[in-house]
Amino acid sequence: MSAPKQTVSDLGFIHRFVPAKRNDSRTLLVLHGTGGDEDDLIPLAKTIDENAAILSPRGKVLENGMPRFFRRFAEGKFDIADLRIRTAELAEFVLRASNKFGFDPASVVVIGYSNGANIGASLLLLRPETLRKAILFRAMLPLRLDKLPDLSEKEVLISAGKFDTMIPREGTLALEDLLKEAGAKVTMNWVDSTHSLTQAEVQKAREWLEK
């Protein structure tokens, strides 16, 4: 039976936490896309690692009533000031959650989709201590930095759709290039799909994480 939902006053985000099945398991921080919620990606997370703990917050920004993790001015045009604030807020939430639920903050792997993948990439760039690894589905470069962090100990899987009309190819390639420049070990996976995920890429994510 899954854990009950937590209230927004609890740790700052409406969220769900699913305990790990084993004491030595990692924790998956799952971040939904626009219009999603804290329930959306839990089945995906369980498919990728059935033993892991799962921490799933709901984005607090509303766009036409749809939850997001940060504001944007238009499709692909992000509010960078808000992104920085929301990234710091999310990082602090993960730290508070690790204290409350007793998981190792050094074991956190982010699994993000679309808007969730973009703020996951922002966590890597602005608060890299928050994450050990990252699986980013349908991500693009969220922001540019004057000084890059040292990501030499980070591993990242980026999975992108060849026919995705919502995420520009150049934005995904820019993210790949910047993460590599910062020293991250990046695996790039292009799939014959649109913005929707495929079973094959989810299986690839599972295999990548097990290595």
N, C-alpha and C. Protein backbone atom coordinates (compact mmCIF):
# COMPACT_ATOMS: atom_id res chain seq x y z
N MET A 1 0.86 -1.20 0.00
CA MET A 1 0.00 0.00 0.00
C MET A 1 0.89 1.24 0.00
N SER A 2 0.57 2.21 -0.85
CA SER A 2 1.40 3.40 -0.97
C SER A 2 1.22 4.30 0.24
N ALA A 3 2.23 5.13 0.46
CA ALA A 3 2.19 6.06 1.59
C ALA A 3 1.16 7.15 1.33
N PRO A 4 0.57 7.72 2.38
CA PRO A 4 -0.41 8.78 2.18
C PRO A 4 0.25 10.05 1.68
N LYS A 5 -0.55 10.90 1.07
CA LYS A 5 -0.04 12.20 0.64
C LYS A 5 0.26 13.07 1.86
N GLN A 6 1.28 13.90 1.72
CA GLN A 6 1.64 14.84 2.77
C GLN A 6 1.01 16.19 2.44
N THR A 7 0.77 17.02 3.44
CA THR A 7 0.18 18.33 3.20
C THR A 7 1.24 19.34 2.82
N VAL A 8 0.81 20.44 2.20
CA VAL A 8 1.75 21.44 1.74
C VAL A 8 2.49 22.09 2.90
N SER A 9 1.87 22.12 4.08
CA SER A 9 2.54 22.73 5.23
C SER A 9 3.61 21.84 5.83
N ASP A 10 3.67 20.60 5.38
CA ASP A 10 4.58 19.63 5.96
C ASP A 10 6.03 19.97 5.64
N LEU A 11 6.41 19.91 4.37
CA LEU A 11 7.79 20.18 3.96
C LEU A 11 7.88 21.28 2.91
N GLY A 12 6.80 21.97 2.66
CA GLY A 12 6.84 23.05 1.68
C GLY A 12 6.24 22.71 0.34
N PHE A 13 6.07 21.41 0.05
CA PHE A 13 5.46 20.96 -1.19
C PHE A 13 4.40 19.91 -0.87
N ILE A 14 3.27 19.93 -1.59
CA ILE A 14 2.43 18.75 -1.61
C ILE A 14 3.25 17.64 -2.25
N HIS A 15 3.27 16.48 -1.65
CA HIS A 15 4.14 15.43 -2.18
C HIS A 15 3.70 14.06 -1.70
N ARG A 16 4.27 13.05 -2.31
CA ARG A 16 4.14 11.68 -1.82
C ARG A 16 5.53 11.11 -1.59
N PHE A 17 5.63 10.28 -0.59
CA PHE A 17 6.86 9.53 -0.34
C PHE A 17 6.52 8.06 -0.22
N VAL A 18 7.21 7.26 -1.03
CA VAL A 18 7.05 5.81 -0.99
C VAL A 18 8.34 5.22 -0.43
N PRO A 19 8.30 4.55 0.71
CA PRO A 19 9.53 4.02 1.31
C PRO A 19 10.20 2.98 0.42
N ALA A 20 11.50 2.86 0.58
CA ALA A 20 12.28 1.86 -0.16
C ALA A 20 11.93 0.45 0.33
N LYS A 21 12.09 -0.51 -0.56
CA LYS A 21 11.87 -1.90 -0.19
C LYS A 21 13.09 -2.53 0.46
N ARG A 22 14.26 -1.88 0.26
CA ARG A 22 15.49 -2.37 0.87
C ARG A 22 16.21 -1.20 1.52
N ASN A 23 16.93 -1.48 2.59
CA ASN A 23 17.61 -0.41 3.33
C ASN A 23 18.73 0.25 2.53
N ASP A 24 19.31 -0.50 1.58
CA ASP A 24 20.44 0.03 0.82
C ASP A 24 20.01 0.68 -0.49
N SER A 25 18.72 0.91 -0.68
CA SER A 25 18.23 1.41 -1.96
C SER A 25 18.40 2.92 -2.09
N ARG A 26 18.42 3.37 -3.31
CA ARG A 26 18.49 4.79 -3.62
C ARG A 26 17.12 5.44 -3.45
N THR A 27 17.09 6.76 -3.53
CA THR A 27 15.83 7.50 -3.52
C THR A 27 15.66 8.19 -4.87
N LEU A 28 14.51 8.00 -5.48
CA LEU A 28 14.20 8.63 -6.76
C LEU A 28 13.37 9.89 -6.51
N LEU A 29 13.90 11.03 -6.93
CA LEU A 29 13.17 12.29 -6.89
C LEU A 29 12.47 12.43 -8.24
N VAL A 30 11.16 12.29 -8.27
CA VAL A 30 10.44 12.30 -9.55
C VAL A 30 9.71 13.63 -9.72
N LEU A 31 9.91 14.24 -10.89
CA LEU A 31 9.43 15.59 -11.16
C LEU A 31 8.57 15.57 -12.43
N HIS A 32 7.30 15.85 -12.27
CA HIS A 32 6.31 15.72 -13.34
C HIS A 32 6.43 16.85 -14.37
N GLY A 33 5.73 16.67 -15.47
CA GLY A 33 5.64 17.71 -16.49
C GLY A 33 4.49 18.66 -16.22
N THR A 34 4.31 19.67 -17.07
CA THR A 34 3.24 20.64 -16.92
C THR A 34 1.89 19.95 -16.89
N GLY A 35 1.11 20.28 -15.86
CA GLY A 35 -0.22 19.70 -15.73
C GLY A 35 -0.25 18.41 -14.95
N GLY A 36 0.92 17.93 -14.53
CA GLY A 36 0.98 16.70 -13.75
C GLY A 36 0.82 16.98 -12.27
N ASP A 37 1.02 15.93 -11.48
CA ASP A 37 0.98 16.09 -10.03
C ASP A 37 1.88 15.05 -9.38
N GLU A 38 1.77 14.94 -8.07
CA GLU A 38 2.66 14.06 -7.31
C GLU A 38 2.42 12.58 -7.56
N ASP A 39 1.31 12.24 -8.22
CA ASP A 39 1.02 10.83 -8.50
C ASP A 39 1.52 10.38 -9.87
N ASP A 40 1.70 11.32 -10.78
CA ASP A 40 1.91 11.00 -12.20
C ASP A 40 3.04 10.02 -12.48
N LEU A 41 4.21 10.28 -11.93
CA LEU A 41 5.41 9.54 -12.34
C LEU A 41 5.78 8.41 -11.39
N ILE A 42 4.96 8.15 -10.39
CA ILE A 42 5.29 7.07 -9.46
C ILE A 42 5.32 5.71 -10.18
N PRO A 43 4.35 5.39 -11.05
CA PRO A 43 4.47 4.12 -11.79
C PRO A 43 5.74 4.04 -12.65
N LEU A 44 6.11 5.16 -13.27
CA LEU A 44 7.34 5.20 -14.06
C LEU A 44 8.55 4.92 -13.18
N ALA A 45 8.59 5.57 -12.02
CA ALA A 45 9.72 5.38 -11.10
C ALA A 45 9.81 3.93 -10.65
N LYS A 46 8.66 3.31 -10.36
CA LYS A 46 8.67 1.91 -9.93
C LYS A 46 9.13 0.98 -11.04
N THR A 47 8.83 1.33 -12.29
CA THR A 47 9.30 0.53 -13.41
C THR A 47 10.82 0.63 -13.55
N ILE A 48 11.36 1.81 -13.33
CA ILE A 48 12.80 2.02 -13.47
C ILE A 48 13.57 1.40 -12.31
N ASP A 49 13.04 1.48 -11.10
CA ASP A 49 13.68 0.84 -9.94
C ASP A 49 12.60 0.50 -8.92
N GLU A 50 12.22 -0.77 -8.89
CA GLU A 50 11.12 -1.20 -8.02
C GLU A 50 11.49 -1.23 -6.54
N ASN A 51 12.79 -1.16 -6.23
CA ASN A 51 13.23 -1.22 -4.83
C ASN A 51 13.47 0.15 -4.20
N ALA A 52 13.54 1.17 -5.01
CA ALA A 52 13.93 2.50 -4.53
C ALA A 52 12.83 3.17 -3.74
N ALA A 53 13.23 4.07 -2.85
CA ALA A 53 12.28 5.02 -2.26
C ALA A 53 11.92 6.05 -3.34
N ILE A 54 10.73 6.63 -3.23
CA ILE A 54 10.27 7.60 -4.22
C ILE A 54 9.80 8.86 -3.49
N LEU A 55 10.34 9.99 -3.89
CA LEU A 55 9.93 11.29 -3.38
C LEU A 55 9.36 12.08 -4.55
N SER A 56 8.08 12.40 -4.48
CA SER A 56 7.40 13.01 -5.64
C SER A 56 6.65 14.27 -5.22
N PRO A 57 7.24 15.45 -5.45
CA PRO A 57 6.54 16.71 -5.13
C PRO A 57 5.68 17.20 -6.28
N ARG A 58 4.70 18.01 -5.95
CA ARG A 58 3.88 18.68 -6.97
C ARG A 58 4.42 20.10 -7.17
N GLY A 59 4.61 20.48 -8.42
CA GLY A 59 5.05 21.84 -8.71
C GLY A 59 4.08 22.86 -8.15
N LYS A 60 4.59 23.99 -7.66
CA LYS A 60 3.77 24.98 -6.98
C LYS A 60 3.34 26.16 -7.86
N VAL A 61 3.88 26.24 -9.06
CA VAL A 61 3.50 27.30 -9.99
C VAL A 61 2.31 26.81 -10.82
N LEU A 62 1.31 27.65 -10.96
CA LEU A 62 0.15 27.29 -11.78
C LEU A 62 0.15 28.08 -13.07
N GLU A 63 -0.01 27.36 -14.18
CA GLU A 63 -0.14 27.99 -15.50
C GLU A 63 -1.48 27.56 -16.08
N ASN A 64 -2.43 28.49 -16.10
CA ASN A 64 -3.80 28.16 -16.52
C ASN A 64 -4.34 26.98 -15.71
N GLY A 65 -4.03 26.98 -14.42
CA GLY A 65 -4.52 25.94 -13.54
C GLY A 65 -3.69 24.68 -13.51
N MET A 66 -2.65 24.62 -14.33
CA MET A 66 -1.83 23.41 -14.42
C MET A 66 -0.54 23.57 -13.62
N PRO A 67 -0.23 22.63 -12.71
CA PRO A 67 1.00 22.74 -11.92
C PRO A 67 2.26 22.64 -12.77
N ARG A 68 3.23 23.49 -12.43
CA ARG A 68 4.57 23.47 -13.01
C ARG A 68 5.56 23.72 -11.88
N PHE A 69 6.85 23.53 -12.20
CA PHE A 69 7.87 23.77 -11.19
C PHE A 69 8.47 25.16 -11.26
N PHE A 70 8.30 25.87 -12.37
CA PHE A 70 8.76 27.26 -12.47
C PHE A 70 7.99 27.96 -13.58
N ARG A 71 8.04 29.28 -13.56
CA ARG A 71 7.28 30.06 -14.53
C ARG A 71 7.99 30.13 -15.88
N ARG A 72 7.21 30.39 -16.90
CA ARG A 72 7.76 30.68 -18.22
C ARG A 72 6.95 31.81 -18.85
N PHE A 73 7.58 32.52 -19.77
CA PHE A 73 6.91 33.61 -20.46
C PHE A 73 6.15 33.09 -21.67
N ALA A 74 6.69 32.05 -22.30
CA ALA A 74 6.08 31.41 -23.47
C ALA A 74 6.74 30.05 -23.62
N GLU A 75 6.28 29.27 -24.59
CA GLU A 75 6.87 27.95 -24.84
C GLU A 75 8.37 28.11 -25.09
N GLY A 76 9.19 27.48 -24.23
CA GLY A 76 10.63 27.52 -24.39
C GLY A 76 11.31 28.79 -23.90
N LYS A 77 10.54 29.75 -23.38
CA LYS A 77 11.11 31.01 -22.87
C LYS A 77 10.86 31.07 -21.37
N PHE A 78 11.89 30.77 -20.60
CA PHE A 78 11.73 30.59 -19.16
C PHE A 78 11.96 31.89 -18.40
N ASP A 79 11.29 32.00 -17.26
CA ASP A 79 11.52 33.09 -16.31
C ASP A 79 12.72 32.66 -15.45
N ILE A 80 13.91 33.13 -15.81
CA ILE A 80 15.13 32.63 -15.18
C ILE A 80 15.20 33.02 -13.71
N ALA A 81 14.74 34.21 -13.36
CA ALA A 81 14.75 34.62 -11.95
C ALA A 81 13.88 33.67 -11.12
N ASP A 82 12.71 33.33 -11.63
CA ASP A 82 11.84 32.40 -10.92
C ASP A 82 12.44 31.00 -10.89
N LEU A 83 13.06 30.59 -11.99
CA LEU A 83 13.71 29.28 -12.05
C LEU A 83 14.77 29.14 -10.96
N ARG A 84 15.56 30.17 -10.76
CA ARG A 84 16.60 30.11 -9.73
C ARG A 84 15.99 29.97 -8.33
N ILE A 85 14.93 30.74 -8.08
CA ILE A 85 14.28 30.67 -6.78
C ILE A 85 13.66 29.30 -6.55
N ARG A 86 12.96 28.79 -7.56
CA ARG A 86 12.28 27.50 -7.43
C ARG A 86 13.28 26.35 -7.33
N THR A 87 14.42 26.47 -7.97
CA THR A 87 15.44 25.43 -7.89
C THR A 87 15.99 25.34 -6.47
N ALA A 88 16.28 26.50 -5.88
CA ALA A 88 16.77 26.52 -4.50
C ALA A 88 15.71 25.98 -3.55
N GLU A 89 14.47 26.34 -3.78
CA GLU A 89 13.35 25.87 -2.96
C GLU A 89 13.22 24.35 -3.03
N LEU A 90 13.36 23.79 -4.23
CA LEU A 90 13.26 22.35 -4.41
C LEU A 90 14.42 21.62 -3.74
N ALA A 91 15.61 22.18 -3.86
CA ALA A 91 16.79 21.58 -3.21
C ALA A 91 16.62 21.53 -1.70
N GLU A 92 16.08 22.59 -1.12
CA GLU A 92 15.86 22.62 0.33
C GLU A 92 14.77 21.63 0.73
N PHE A 93 13.78 21.45 -0.11
CA PHE A 93 12.74 20.46 0.14
C PHE A 93 13.33 19.05 0.21
N VAL A 94 14.22 18.73 -0.72
CA VAL A 94 14.84 17.40 -0.72
C VAL A 94 15.63 17.18 0.56
N LEU A 95 16.35 18.21 1.00
CA LEU A 95 17.12 18.09 2.23
C LEU A 95 16.20 17.87 3.43
N ARG A 96 15.13 18.64 3.52
CA ARG A 96 14.19 18.46 4.62
C ARG A 96 13.54 17.08 4.58
N ALA A 97 13.23 16.62 3.38
CA ALA A 97 12.61 15.30 3.23
C ALA A 97 13.57 14.20 3.66
N SER A 98 14.86 14.36 3.37
CA SER A 98 15.84 13.34 3.79
C SER A 98 15.91 13.24 5.30
N ASN A 99 15.78 14.38 5.97
CA ASN A 99 15.77 14.36 7.44
C ASN A 99 14.50 13.74 7.99
N LYS A 100 13.37 14.04 7.37
CA LYS A 100 12.08 13.52 7.86
C LYS A 100 11.95 12.03 7.61
N PHE A 101 12.31 11.59 6.40
CA PHE A 101 12.06 10.19 6.02
C PHE A 101 13.27 9.29 6.21
N GLY A 102 14.43 9.89 6.52
CA GLY A 102 15.59 9.10 6.86
C GLY A 102 16.34 8.49 5.71
N PHE A 103 16.23 9.07 4.50
CA PHE A 103 17.03 8.55 3.39
C PHE A 103 18.32 9.33 3.25
N ASP A 104 19.30 8.71 2.62
CA ASP A 104 20.61 9.32 2.42
C ASP A 104 20.52 10.36 1.31
N PRO A 105 20.77 11.64 1.60
CA PRO A 105 20.69 12.65 0.54
C PRO A 105 21.72 12.44 -0.57
N ALA A 106 22.76 11.67 -0.28
CA ALA A 106 23.77 11.38 -1.30
C ALA A 106 23.32 10.30 -2.28
N SER A 107 22.15 9.69 -2.02
CA SER A 107 21.68 8.60 -2.87
C SER A 107 20.60 9.04 -3.85
N VAL A 108 20.31 10.34 -3.93
CA VAL A 108 19.16 10.81 -4.70
C VAL A 108 19.45 10.81 -6.21
N VAL A 109 18.52 10.22 -6.95
CA VAL A 109 18.55 10.23 -8.42
C VAL A 109 17.29 10.92 -8.89
N VAL A 110 17.42 11.96 -9.70
CA VAL A 110 16.25 12.64 -10.20
C VAL A 110 15.76 11.96 -11.48
N ILE A 111 14.44 11.79 -11.58
CA ILE A 111 13.80 11.37 -12.82
C ILE A 111 12.81 12.47 -13.17
N GLY A 112 13.09 13.21 -14.22
CA GLY A 112 12.24 14.33 -14.59
C GLY A 112 11.70 14.18 -15.99
N TYR A 113 10.48 14.68 -16.19
CA TYR A 113 9.86 14.66 -17.51
C TYR A 113 9.46 16.08 -17.90
N SER A 114 9.93 16.55 -19.05
CA SER A 114 9.56 17.84 -19.62
C SER A 114 9.86 18.97 -18.64
N ASN A 115 8.88 19.68 -18.12
CA ASN A 115 9.15 20.75 -17.16
C ASN A 115 9.91 20.22 -15.95
N GLY A 116 9.58 19.02 -15.51
CA GLY A 116 10.31 18.40 -14.40
C GLY A 116 11.75 18.07 -14.76
N ALA A 117 11.98 17.68 -16.01
CA ALA A 117 13.35 17.41 -16.45
C ALA A 117 14.16 18.71 -16.52
N ASN A 118 13.51 19.79 -16.90
CA ASN A 118 14.20 21.07 -16.99
C ASN A 118 14.63 21.60 -15.62
N ILE A 119 13.75 21.46 -14.62
CA ILE A 119 14.18 21.90 -13.29
C ILE A 119 15.16 20.88 -12.70
N GLY A 120 15.08 19.61 -13.14
CA GLY A 120 16.10 18.64 -12.74
C GLY A 120 17.47 19.03 -13.27
N ALA A 121 17.51 19.49 -14.53
CA ALA A 121 18.76 19.98 -15.10
C ALA A 121 19.24 21.22 -14.36
N SER A 122 18.31 22.08 -13.95
CA SER A 122 18.67 23.27 -13.18
C SER A 122 19.26 22.89 -11.82
N LEU A 123 18.73 21.85 -11.18
CA LEU A 123 19.31 21.35 -9.93
C LEU A 123 20.75 20.92 -10.15
N LEU A 124 21.01 20.23 -11.24
CA LEU A 124 22.38 19.81 -11.55
C LEU A 124 23.32 21.01 -11.66
N LEU A 125 22.84 22.07 -12.29
CA LEU A 125 23.69 23.22 -12.56
C LEU A 125 23.82 24.16 -11.36
N LEU A 126 22.73 24.34 -10.60
CA LEU A 126 22.73 25.33 -9.52
C LEU A 126 22.92 24.71 -8.14
N ARG A 127 22.43 23.49 -7.94
CA ARG A 127 22.55 22.81 -6.64
C ARG A 127 22.96 21.36 -6.85
N PRO A 128 24.14 21.14 -7.43
CA PRO A 128 24.55 19.78 -7.80
C PRO A 128 24.70 18.83 -6.62
N GLU A 129 24.88 19.36 -5.42
CA GLU A 129 25.00 18.51 -4.24
C GLU A 129 23.70 17.77 -3.93
N THR A 130 22.61 18.21 -4.54
CA THR A 130 21.30 17.61 -4.28
C THR A 130 21.16 16.24 -4.93
N LEU A 131 21.90 15.99 -6.02
CA LEU A 131 21.68 14.81 -6.84
C LEU A 131 22.95 13.99 -7.02
N ARG A 132 22.75 12.69 -7.14
CA ARG A 132 23.85 11.79 -7.49
C ARG A 132 23.86 11.52 -8.99
N LYS A 133 22.66 11.23 -9.52
CA LYS A 133 22.50 10.97 -10.95
C LYS A 133 21.22 11.62 -11.43
N ALA A 134 21.05 11.69 -12.75
CA ALA A 134 19.84 12.30 -13.31
C ALA A 134 19.40 11.55 -14.55
N ILE A 135 18.09 11.30 -14.63
CA ILE A 135 17.46 10.78 -15.83
C ILE A 135 16.49 11.86 -16.30
N LEU A 136 16.77 12.43 -17.45
CA LEU A 136 16.02 13.59 -17.93
C LEU A 136 15.30 13.22 -19.23
N PHE A 137 13.99 13.09 -19.15
CA PHE A 137 13.17 12.80 -20.32
C PHE A 137 12.63 14.10 -20.89
N ARG A 138 12.92 14.37 -22.17
CA ARG A 138 12.42 15.55 -22.89
C ARG A 138 12.88 16.84 -22.22
N ALA A 139 14.18 16.98 -22.10
CA ALA A 139 14.77 18.15 -21.44
C ALA A 139 15.45 19.06 -22.45
N MET A 140 15.60 20.33 -22.04
CA MET A 140 16.39 21.29 -22.80
C MET A 140 17.21 22.10 -21.81
N LEU A 141 18.16 22.86 -22.31
CA LEU A 141 18.97 23.69 -21.44
C LEU A 141 18.10 24.74 -20.77
N PRO A 142 18.01 24.75 -19.42
CA PRO A 142 17.11 25.69 -18.75
C PRO A 142 17.69 27.09 -18.58
N LEU A 143 19.01 27.17 -18.42
CA LEU A 143 19.66 28.47 -18.23
C LEU A 143 21.15 28.34 -18.50
N ARG A 144 21.78 29.47 -18.76
CA ARG A 144 23.23 29.50 -18.96
C ARG A 144 23.89 30.16 -17.75
N LEU A 145 25.11 29.73 -17.45
CA LEU A 145 25.81 30.22 -16.28
C LEU A 145 27.15 30.84 -16.68
N ASP A 146 27.56 31.86 -15.94
CA ASP A 146 28.88 32.44 -16.17
C ASP A 146 29.98 31.49 -15.71
N LYS A 147 29.71 30.75 -14.64
CA LYS A 147 30.67 29.80 -14.11
C LYS A 147 30.00 28.46 -13.92
N LEU A 148 30.57 27.42 -14.52
CA LEU A 148 29.98 26.09 -14.44
C LEU A 148 30.37 25.38 -13.15
N PRO A 149 29.48 24.55 -12.61
CA PRO A 149 29.84 23.74 -11.46
C PRO A 149 30.72 22.58 -11.88
N ASP A 150 31.34 21.92 -10.93
CA ASP A 150 32.11 20.70 -11.20
C ASP A 150 31.17 19.52 -11.13
N LEU A 151 30.85 18.94 -12.29
CA LEU A 151 29.93 17.81 -12.35
C LEU A 151 30.67 16.51 -12.70
N SER A 152 31.95 16.46 -12.40
CA SER A 152 32.76 15.31 -12.81
C SER A 152 32.34 14.01 -12.12
N GLU A 153 31.60 14.11 -11.02
CA GLU A 153 31.14 12.91 -10.33
C GLU A 153 29.67 12.61 -10.62
N LYS A 154 29.07 13.32 -11.57
CA LYS A 154 27.65 13.13 -11.88
C LYS A 154 27.48 12.33 -13.18
N GLU A 155 26.45 11.49 -13.21
CA GLU A 155 26.08 10.75 -14.41
C GLU A 155 24.68 11.16 -14.81
N VAL A 156 24.50 11.38 -16.11
CA VAL A 156 23.23 11.90 -16.61
C VAL A 156 22.80 11.12 -17.85
N LEU A 157 21.55 10.70 -17.86
CA LEU A 157 20.93 10.14 -19.06
C LEU A 157 19.91 11.15 -19.58
N ILE A 158 20.08 11.58 -20.81
CA ILE A 158 19.11 12.45 -21.47
C ILE A 158 18.41 11.64 -22.54
N SER A 159 17.10 11.56 -22.47
CA SER A 159 16.33 10.81 -23.47
C SER A 159 15.42 11.77 -24.20
N ALA A 160 15.58 11.87 -25.52
CA ALA A 160 14.90 12.89 -26.31
C ALA A 160 14.18 12.26 -27.49
N GLY A 161 13.05 12.87 -27.87
CA GLY A 161 12.28 12.40 -29.02
C GLY A 161 12.73 13.08 -30.30
N LYS A 162 13.00 12.29 -31.32
CA LYS A 162 13.44 12.86 -32.60
C LYS A 162 12.37 13.74 -33.23
N PHE A 163 11.11 13.47 -32.93
CA PHE A 163 10.00 14.20 -33.57
C PHE A 163 9.23 15.05 -32.56
N ASP A 164 9.91 15.43 -31.48
CA ASP A 164 9.30 16.24 -30.43
C ASP A 164 9.18 17.68 -30.91
N THR A 165 7.95 18.18 -31.01
CA THR A 165 7.74 19.56 -31.46
C THR A 165 7.72 20.55 -30.29
N MET A 166 7.76 20.05 -29.05
CA MET A 166 7.71 20.93 -27.88
C MET A 166 9.10 21.26 -27.34
N ILE A 167 10.05 20.35 -27.54
CA ILE A 167 11.41 20.57 -27.07
C ILE A 167 12.32 20.71 -28.29
N PRO A 168 12.87 21.89 -28.56
CA PRO A 168 13.73 22.06 -29.74
C PRO A 168 15.00 21.22 -29.63
N ARG A 169 15.36 20.60 -30.73
CA ARG A 169 16.55 19.74 -30.75
C ARG A 169 17.78 20.51 -30.29
N GLU A 170 17.90 21.76 -30.72
CA GLU A 170 19.08 22.54 -30.35
C GLU A 170 19.13 22.80 -28.85
N GLY A 171 17.96 22.89 -28.21
CA GLY A 171 17.94 23.07 -26.76
C GLY A 171 18.45 21.85 -26.02
N THR A 172 18.09 20.66 -26.52
CA THR A 172 18.57 19.42 -25.92
C THR A 172 20.08 19.26 -26.14
N LEU A 173 20.52 19.55 -27.35
CA LEU A 173 21.95 19.45 -27.65
C LEU A 173 22.76 20.46 -26.82
N ALA A 174 22.20 21.65 -26.60
CA ALA A 174 22.88 22.65 -25.77
C ALA A 174 23.03 22.15 -24.34
N LEU A 175 22.01 21.46 -23.83
CA LEU A 175 22.08 20.89 -22.48
C LEU A 175 23.16 19.81 -22.42
N GLU A 176 23.17 18.94 -23.40
CA GLU A 176 24.19 17.89 -23.45
C GLU A 176 25.59 18.49 -23.46
N ASP A 177 25.80 19.49 -24.30
CA ASP A 177 27.12 20.10 -24.42
C ASP A 177 27.55 20.77 -23.12
N LEU A 178 26.62 21.48 -22.48
CA LEU A 178 26.97 22.21 -21.26
C LEU A 178 27.29 21.24 -20.12
N LEU A 179 26.52 20.17 -19.99
CA LEU A 179 26.79 19.19 -18.94
C LEU A 179 28.13 18.52 -19.15
N LYS A 180 28.45 18.21 -20.39
CA LYS A 180 29.75 17.61 -20.69
C LYS A 180 30.88 18.60 -20.39
N GLU A 181 30.66 19.86 -20.74
CA GLU A 181 31.67 20.88 -20.46
C GLU A 181 31.92 21.00 -18.96
N ALA A 182 30.87 20.78 -18.17
CA ALA A 182 31.00 20.84 -16.71
C ALA A 182 31.60 19.56 -16.13
N GLY A 183 31.84 18.56 -16.99
CA GLY A 183 32.51 17.35 -16.54
C GLY A 183 31.63 16.15 -16.32
N ALA A 184 30.31 16.29 -16.51
CA ALA A 184 29.39 15.18 -16.28
C ALA A 184 29.58 14.09 -17.32
N LYS A 185 29.31 12.86 -16.90
CA LYS A 185 29.29 11.73 -17.83
C LYS A 185 27.88 11.62 -18.39
N VAL A 186 27.70 12.02 -19.64
CA VAL A 186 26.37 12.13 -20.23
C VAL A 186 26.14 11.02 -21.25
N THR A 187 25.02 10.32 -21.10
CA THR A 187 24.55 9.36 -22.10
C THR A 187 23.36 9.99 -22.82
N MET A 188 23.48 10.13 -24.14
CA MET A 188 22.42 10.75 -24.94
C MET A 188 21.65 9.66 -25.66
N ASN A 189 20.33 9.67 -25.53
CA ASN A 189 19.48 8.66 -26.14
C ASN A 189 18.39 9.33 -26.97
N TRP A 190 18.51 9.25 -28.29
CA TRP A 190 17.49 9.78 -29.19
C TRP A 190 16.56 8.65 -29.59
N VAL A 191 15.24 8.87 -29.46
CA VAL A 191 14.27 7.82 -29.75
C VAL A 191 13.31 8.28 -30.85
N ASP A 192 12.75 7.31 -31.57
CA ASP A 192 11.78 7.61 -32.62
C ASP A 192 10.42 7.88 -32.00
N SER A 193 10.28 9.06 -31.43
CA SER A 193 9.04 9.40 -30.74
C SER A 193 8.85 10.91 -30.74
N THR A 194 7.70 11.34 -30.25
CA THR A 194 7.38 12.76 -30.11
C THR A 194 7.70 13.16 -28.67
N HIS A 195 6.78 13.89 -28.03
CA HIS A 195 6.98 14.29 -26.62
C HIS A 195 6.62 13.14 -25.67
N SER A 196 5.94 12.14 -26.19
CA SER A 196 5.51 11.01 -25.37
C SER A 196 6.67 10.03 -25.17
N LEU A 197 6.66 9.37 -24.01
CA LEU A 197 7.69 8.38 -23.71
C LEU A 197 7.36 7.04 -24.36
N THR A 198 8.40 6.26 -24.61
CA THR A 198 8.23 4.92 -25.16
C THR A 198 8.67 3.88 -24.13
N GLN A 199 8.15 2.68 -24.25
CA GLN A 199 8.55 1.60 -23.35
C GLN A 199 10.03 1.29 -23.50
N ALA A 200 10.54 1.39 -24.72
CA ALA A 200 11.95 1.08 -24.96
C ALA A 200 12.87 2.04 -24.22
N GLU A 201 12.55 3.32 -24.20
CA GLU A 201 13.44 4.27 -23.52
C GLU A 201 13.32 4.15 -22.00
N VAL A 202 12.14 3.78 -21.52
CA VAL A 202 12.01 3.53 -20.09
C VAL A 202 12.85 2.33 -19.68
N GLN A 203 12.84 1.28 -20.52
CA GLN A 203 13.68 0.12 -20.25
C GLN A 203 15.16 0.49 -20.30
N LYS A 204 15.53 1.35 -21.22
CA LYS A 204 16.91 1.80 -21.31
C LYS A 204 17.32 2.56 -20.03
N ALA A 205 16.39 3.38 -19.54
CA ALA A 205 16.67 4.11 -18.30
C ALA A 205 16.89 3.14 -17.13
N ARG A 206 16.09 2.10 -17.09
CA ARG A 206 16.22 1.09 -16.05
C ARG A 206 17.61 0.42 -16.13
N GLU A 207 18.01 0.04 -17.35
CA GLU A 207 19.29 -0.62 -17.55
C GLU A 207 20.45 0.34 -17.25
N TRP A 208 20.31 1.58 -17.64
CA TRP A 208 21.35 2.59 -17.37
C TRP A 208 21.54 2.77 -15.87
N LEU A 209 20.46 2.80 -15.12
CA LEU A 209 20.55 3.02 -13.68
C LEU A 209 21.13 1.80 -12.96
N GLU A 210 20.93 0.63 -13.52
CA GLU A 210 21.43 -0.60 -12.88
C GLU A 210 22.93 -0.80 -13.07
N LYS A 211 23.52 -0.07 -14.00
CA LYS A 211 24.96 -0.26 -14.28
C LYS A 211 25.82 0.20 -13.10
